[in-house]
Every structure is written in structure tokens, then in C-alpha cells.
C-alpha atoms as a PDB file:
ATOM      1  CA  GLN A   1     -14.450 -50.304  37.275  1.00  0.00           C
ATOM      2  CA  GLN A   2     -16.374 -50.975  40.511  1.00  0.00           C
ATOM      3  CA  TRP A   3     -19.629 -49.187  38.572  1.00  0.00           C
ATOM      4  CA  VAL A   4     -18.984 -50.879  35.428  1.00  0.00           C
ATOM      5  CA  LYS A   5     -19.082 -54.447  37.334  1.00  0.00           C
ATOM      6  CA  GLN A   6     -21.948 -53.433  39.700  1.00  0.00           C
ATOM      7  CA  VAL A   7     -24.266 -52.706  36.689  1.00  0.00           C
ATOM      8  CA  THR A   8     -22.750 -55.737  34.630  1.00  0.00           C
ATOM      9  CA  SER A   9     -23.686 -57.745  37.768  1.00  0.00           C
ATOM     10  CA  ARG A  10     -27.741 -56.810  37.774  1.00  0.00           C
ATOM     11  CA  VAL A  11     -28.045 -57.155  33.782  1.00  0.00           C
ATOM     12  CA  LEU A  12     -26.331 -59.980  32.610  1.00  0.00           C
ATOM     13  CA  GLY A  13     -24.989 -61.745  35.994  1.00  0.00           C
ATOM     14  CA  GLU A  14     -22.249 -62.018  38.062  1.00  0.00           C
ATOM     15  CA  ASP A  15     -20.318 -64.515  35.478  1.00  0.00           C
ATOM     16  CA  PHE A  16     -19.994 -61.766  33.209  1.00  0.00           C
ATOM     17  CA  ALA A  17     -18.874 -58.889  36.158  1.00  0.00           C
ATOM     18  CA  GLN A  18     -15.732 -60.468  36.642  1.00  0.00           C
ATOM     19  CA  GLU A  19     -14.555 -59.412  32.615  1.00  0.00           C
ATOM     20  CA  ALA A  20     -16.085 -55.817  32.874  1.00  0.00           C
ATOM     21  CA  HIS A  21     -14.533 -52.789  32.595  1.00  0.00           C
ATOM     22  CA  ILE A  22     -14.195 -49.682  31.076  1.00  0.00           C
ATOM     23  CA  GLU A  23     -11.621 -47.387  29.658  1.00  0.00           C
ATOM     24  CA  LEU A  24     -10.752 -43.535  30.046  1.00  0.00           C
ATOM     25  CA  PHE A  25      -9.577 -41.309  27.064  1.00  0.00           C
ATOM     26  CA  THR A  26      -9.142 -37.324  27.473  1.00  0.00           C
ATOM     27  CA  PHE A  27      -9.627 -35.052  24.293  1.00  0.00           C
ATOM     28  CA  GLY A  28      -9.557 -31.288  23.703  1.00  0.00           C
ATOM     29  CA  SER A  29      -7.128 -29.115  25.089  1.00  0.00           C
ATOM     30  CA  TYR A  30      -5.331 -31.919  27.523  1.00  0.00           C
ATOM     31  CA  ARG A  31      -4.925 -34.064  24.799  1.00  0.00           C
ATOM     32  CA  LEU A  32      -3.842 -31.575  22.416  1.00  0.00           C
ATOM     33  CA  GLY A  33      -1.105 -30.016  24.751  1.00  0.00           C
ATOM     34  CA  VAL A  34      -2.581 -26.935  24.927  1.00  0.00           C
ATOM     35  CA  HIS A  35      -4.284 -26.709  28.121  1.00  0.00           C
ATOM     36  CA  THR A  36      -3.922 -24.037  30.594  1.00  0.00           C
ATOM     37  CA  THR A  37      -4.419 -23.227  33.966  1.00  0.00           C
ATOM     38  CA  GLY A  38      -8.270 -23.794  34.595  1.00  0.00           C
ATOM     39  CA  SER A  39      -8.902 -25.655  31.835  1.00  0.00           C
ATOM     40  CA  ASP A  40     -11.298 -28.706  31.897  1.00  0.00           C
ATOM     41  CA  LEU A  41     -10.393 -32.075  31.440  1.00  0.00           C
ATOM     42  CA  ASP A  42     -12.829 -33.229  28.417  1.00  0.00           C
ATOM     43  CA  THR A  43     -12.773 -37.336  29.153  1.00  0.00           C
ATOM     44  CA  LEU A  44     -15.139 -39.741  27.517  1.00  0.00           C
ATOM     45  CA  CYS A  45     -15.735 -43.012  29.154  1.00  0.00           C
ATOM     46  CA  ILE A  46     -15.972 -46.440  26.373  1.00  0.00           C
ATOM     47  CA  GLY A  47     -18.259 -48.873  28.092  1.00  0.00           C
ATOM     48  CA  PRO A  48     -20.172 -52.179  26.755  1.00  0.00           C
ATOM     49  CA  ARG A  49     -23.021 -52.460  24.829  1.00  0.00           C
ATOM     50  CA  HIS A  50     -25.600 -53.138  28.109  1.00  0.00           C
ATOM     51  CA  ILE A  51     -24.317 -50.263  29.886  1.00  0.00           C
ATOM     52  CA  SER A  52     -27.132 -47.122  29.187  1.00  0.00           C
ATOM     53  CA  ARG A  53     -26.433 -44.109  28.821  1.00  0.00           C
ATOM     54  CA  GLU A  54     -29.724 -42.616  30.920  1.00  0.00           C
ATOM     55  CA  ARG A  55     -30.107 -45.859  32.864  1.00  0.00           C
ATOM     56  CA  ASP A  56     -26.615 -46.449  34.368  1.00  0.00           C
ATOM     57  CA  PHE A  57     -24.797 -43.166  33.451  1.00  0.00           C
ATOM     58  CA  PHE A  58     -27.102 -40.244  34.328  1.00  0.00           C
ATOM     59  CA  GLY A  59     -29.288 -42.596  36.403  1.00  0.00           C
ATOM     60  CA  ARG A  60     -32.574 -41.128  35.020  1.00  0.00           C
ATOM     61  CA  GLY A  61     -35.611 -42.934  32.919  1.00  0.00           C
ATOM     62  CA  GLU A  62     -38.478 -45.031  34.420  1.00  0.00           C
ATOM     63  CA  ASP A  63     -35.658 -48.015  35.397  1.00  0.00           C
ATOM     64  CA  ALA A  64     -33.052 -45.966  36.691  1.00  0.00           C
ATOM     65  CA  THR A  65     -31.101 -47.321  39.653  1.00  0.00           C
ATOM     66  CA  GLU A  66     -29.822 -45.936  42.580  1.00  0.00           C
ATOM     67  CA  GLY A  67     -26.017 -47.732  40.821  1.00  0.00           C
ATOM     68  CA  SER A  68     -25.805 -45.179  38.574  1.00  0.00           C
ATOM     69  CA  LEU A  69     -22.240 -43.549  38.094  1.00  0.00           C
ATOM     70  CA  TYR A  70     -23.914 -40.394  38.774  1.00  0.00           C
ATOM     71  CA  SER A  71     -25.253 -41.085  41.632  1.00  0.00           C
ATOM     72  CA  MET A  72     -21.491 -42.757  42.856  1.00  0.00           C
ATOM     73  CA  LEU A  73     -20.025 -39.904  42.206  1.00  0.00           C
ATOM     74  CA  GLU A  74     -22.371 -37.566  43.958  1.00  0.00           C
ATOM     75  CA  LYS A  75     -21.320 -39.518  47.204  1.00  0.00           C
ATOM     76  CA  ILE A  76     -17.856 -39.395  46.429  1.00  0.00           C
ATOM     77  CA  GLU A  77     -16.318 -36.323  49.314  1.00  0.00           C
ATOM     78  CA  ASP A  78     -13.902 -35.490  46.663  1.00  0.00           C
ATOM     79  CA  VAL A  79     -16.390 -34.418  43.882  1.00  0.00           C
ATOM     80  CA  GLN A  80     -16.827 -30.722  45.233  1.00  0.00           C
ATOM     81  CA  SER A  81     -19.871 -30.082  42.868  1.00  0.00           C
ATOM     82  CA  ILE A  82     -21.801 -32.194  39.557  1.00  0.00           C
ATOM     83  CA  VAL A  83     -24.477 -31.875  37.142  1.00  0.00           C
ATOM     84  CA  GLY A  84     -25.634 -34.067  34.843  1.00  0.00           C
ATOM     85  CA  VAL A  85     -25.923 -32.521  31.691  1.00  0.00           C
ATOM     86  CA  PRO A  86     -27.742 -35.625  29.514  1.00  0.00           C
ATOM     87  CA  GLU A  87     -29.763 -33.275  26.666  1.00  0.00           C
ATOM     88  CA  ALA A  88     -26.579 -31.915  25.246  1.00  0.00           C
ATOM     89  CA  VAL A  89     -25.270 -32.672  22.153  1.00  0.00           C
ATOM     90  CA  VAL A  90     -22.645 -33.995  24.219  1.00  0.00           C
ATOM     91  CA  PRO A  91     -24.222 -35.422  26.807  1.00  0.00           C
ATOM     92  CA  GLU A  92     -21.864 -35.622  29.639  1.00  0.00           C
ATOM     93  CA  ILE A  93     -21.405 -35.096  33.809  1.00  0.00           C
ATOM     94  CA  LYS A  94     -19.881 -32.091  34.838  1.00  0.00           C
ATOM     95  CA  MET A  95     -18.131 -32.093  38.050  1.00  0.00           C
ATOM     96  CA  VAL A  96     -15.337 -30.642  39.797  1.00  0.00           C
ATOM     97  CA  PHE A  97     -13.043 -33.217  41.258  1.00  0.00           C
ATOM     98  CA  CYS A  98     -10.358 -32.365  44.001  1.00  0.00           C
ATOM     99  CA  ASN A  99     -10.478 -28.593  42.193  1.00  0.00           C
ATOM    100  CA  VAL A 100     -10.118 -30.398  38.526  1.00  0.00           C
ATOM    101  CA  GLN A 101     -13.372 -29.754  36.618  1.00  0.00           C
ATOM    102  CA  ILE A 102     -13.917 -32.484  34.447  1.00  0.00           C
ATOM    103  CA  ASP A 103     -15.724 -33.228  31.537  1.00  0.00           C
ATOM    104  CA  LEU A 104     -17.361 -37.004  31.467  1.00  0.00           C
ATOM    105  CA  ALA A 105     -18.633 -38.407  28.400  1.00  0.00           C
ATOM    106  CA  TYR A 106     -20.075 -41.907  27.854  1.00  0.00           C
ATOM    107  CA  VAL A 107     -20.332 -43.992  24.679  1.00  0.00           C
ATOM    108  CA  SER A 108     -21.249 -47.635  24.341  1.00  0.00           C
ATOM    109  CA  LEU A 109     -19.254 -50.338  22.104  1.00  0.00           C
ATOM    110  CA  GLU A 110     -21.361 -52.573  20.661  1.00  0.00           C
ATOM    111  CA  MET A 111     -19.145 -54.908  22.729  1.00  0.00           C
ATOM    112  CA  ASP A 112     -19.947 -57.317  25.725  1.00  0.00           C
ATOM    113  CA  VAL A 113     -16.739 -56.793  26.940  1.00  0.00           C
ATOM    114  CA  VAL A 114     -14.508 -53.495  25.863  1.00  0.00           C
ATOM    115  CA  PRO A 115     -11.050 -54.868  25.595  1.00  0.00           C
ATOM    116  CA  HIS A 116      -8.049 -53.371  27.468  1.00  0.00           C
ATOM    117  CA  GLY A 117      -6.241 -50.828  25.770  1.00  0.00           C
ATOM    118  CA  VAL A 118      -9.216 -50.701  22.674  1.00  0.00           C
ATOM    119  CA  ASP A 119      -8.086 -48.846  20.130  1.00  0.00           C
ATOM    120  CA  VAL A 120     -10.884 -46.164  19.718  1.00  0.00           C
ATOM    121  CA  MET A 121      -8.745 -45.101  15.974  1.00  0.00           C
ATOM    122  CA  GLN A 122      -9.949 -48.481  14.660  1.00  0.00           C
ATOM    123  CA  THR A 123     -13.234 -47.561  12.403  1.00  0.00           C
ATOM    124  CA  SER A 124     -14.719 -51.293  13.015  1.00  0.00           C
ATOM    125  CA  ILE A 125     -15.485 -50.759  16.662  1.00  0.00           C
ATOM    126  CA  LEU A 126     -17.368 -47.087  15.991  1.00  0.00           C
ATOM    127  CA  ARG A 127     -19.968 -49.284  13.500  1.00  0.00           C
ATOM    128  CA  ASN A 128     -23.816 -48.315  15.458  1.00  0.00           C
ATOM    129  CA  LEU A 129     -22.403 -45.769  17.599  1.00  0.00           C
ATOM    130  CA  ASP A 130     -25.144 -43.212  18.089  1.00  0.00           C
ATOM    131  CA  ASP A 131     -24.308 -39.362  17.109  1.00  0.00           C
ATOM    132  CA  ALA A 132     -23.534 -38.099  20.816  1.00  0.00           C
END
């Protein structure tokens, strides 16, 4: 949550940062209950519209800053390895955190603030999303 608050403060101002947060959802084999030892944990990070996947998630592009999620994760001692894969069909950060392989994807919803407990099965929130 620290990451989204920092980015929101920089982009929209401190007043908006207080309400800013992300939601994390697991999917794939873990979510289906068919994971095995050594399986990765597929995770989707859902954030507000002003968070850029390129700039704020991966830390890429002309206006990239040190405040990207990727750069923050790189500095965490429990992150044993990390690599960004922005060119993939599903752009993601692949990392090993506390001996667990995690594939973390990001999507921005067309909302200024993502509601706590957002229902991702509600089709109206899926409007205007990119294909990745």
C-alpha cells in the first residue's frame, strides 16, 4: 500500500493519497486449489487509473521514477530474485519472495479510487482495460 500512496501523492497530491490503495487477487493453479509444491503464485494487482504499468509498476519509460514497485521490491531483503517481463503477453514481475515464486501482473481500473473488496466479477469495472 505504501507504493500506491507514494505514486498517488506524486501524481494527484497528498489529499488523494490517503484513500489510495490496491487490491491483490490470486488466480491460476493456487486459486483453483490444484497447486503443488514448487508452483508459482499467480497474483493480480489492481489499482487506480493514474497508476501507469510502464512507469509506476515496471519503472520504465521517459518519466520513470525510483518510486516504481519494481524498484521498491528490488530493495526488500526477502526478495531473493526479481525480473520484470513487460513485453510478455501478460506483462508481469516475476520474483521469488521468501522462497515462493510469484508472478505479479498489474491492471489499472477506470477509477480514481479502487473500492476495498472490489468485485472483479462485476463486468462494469472491466470497461476500457487494455488487452494485457
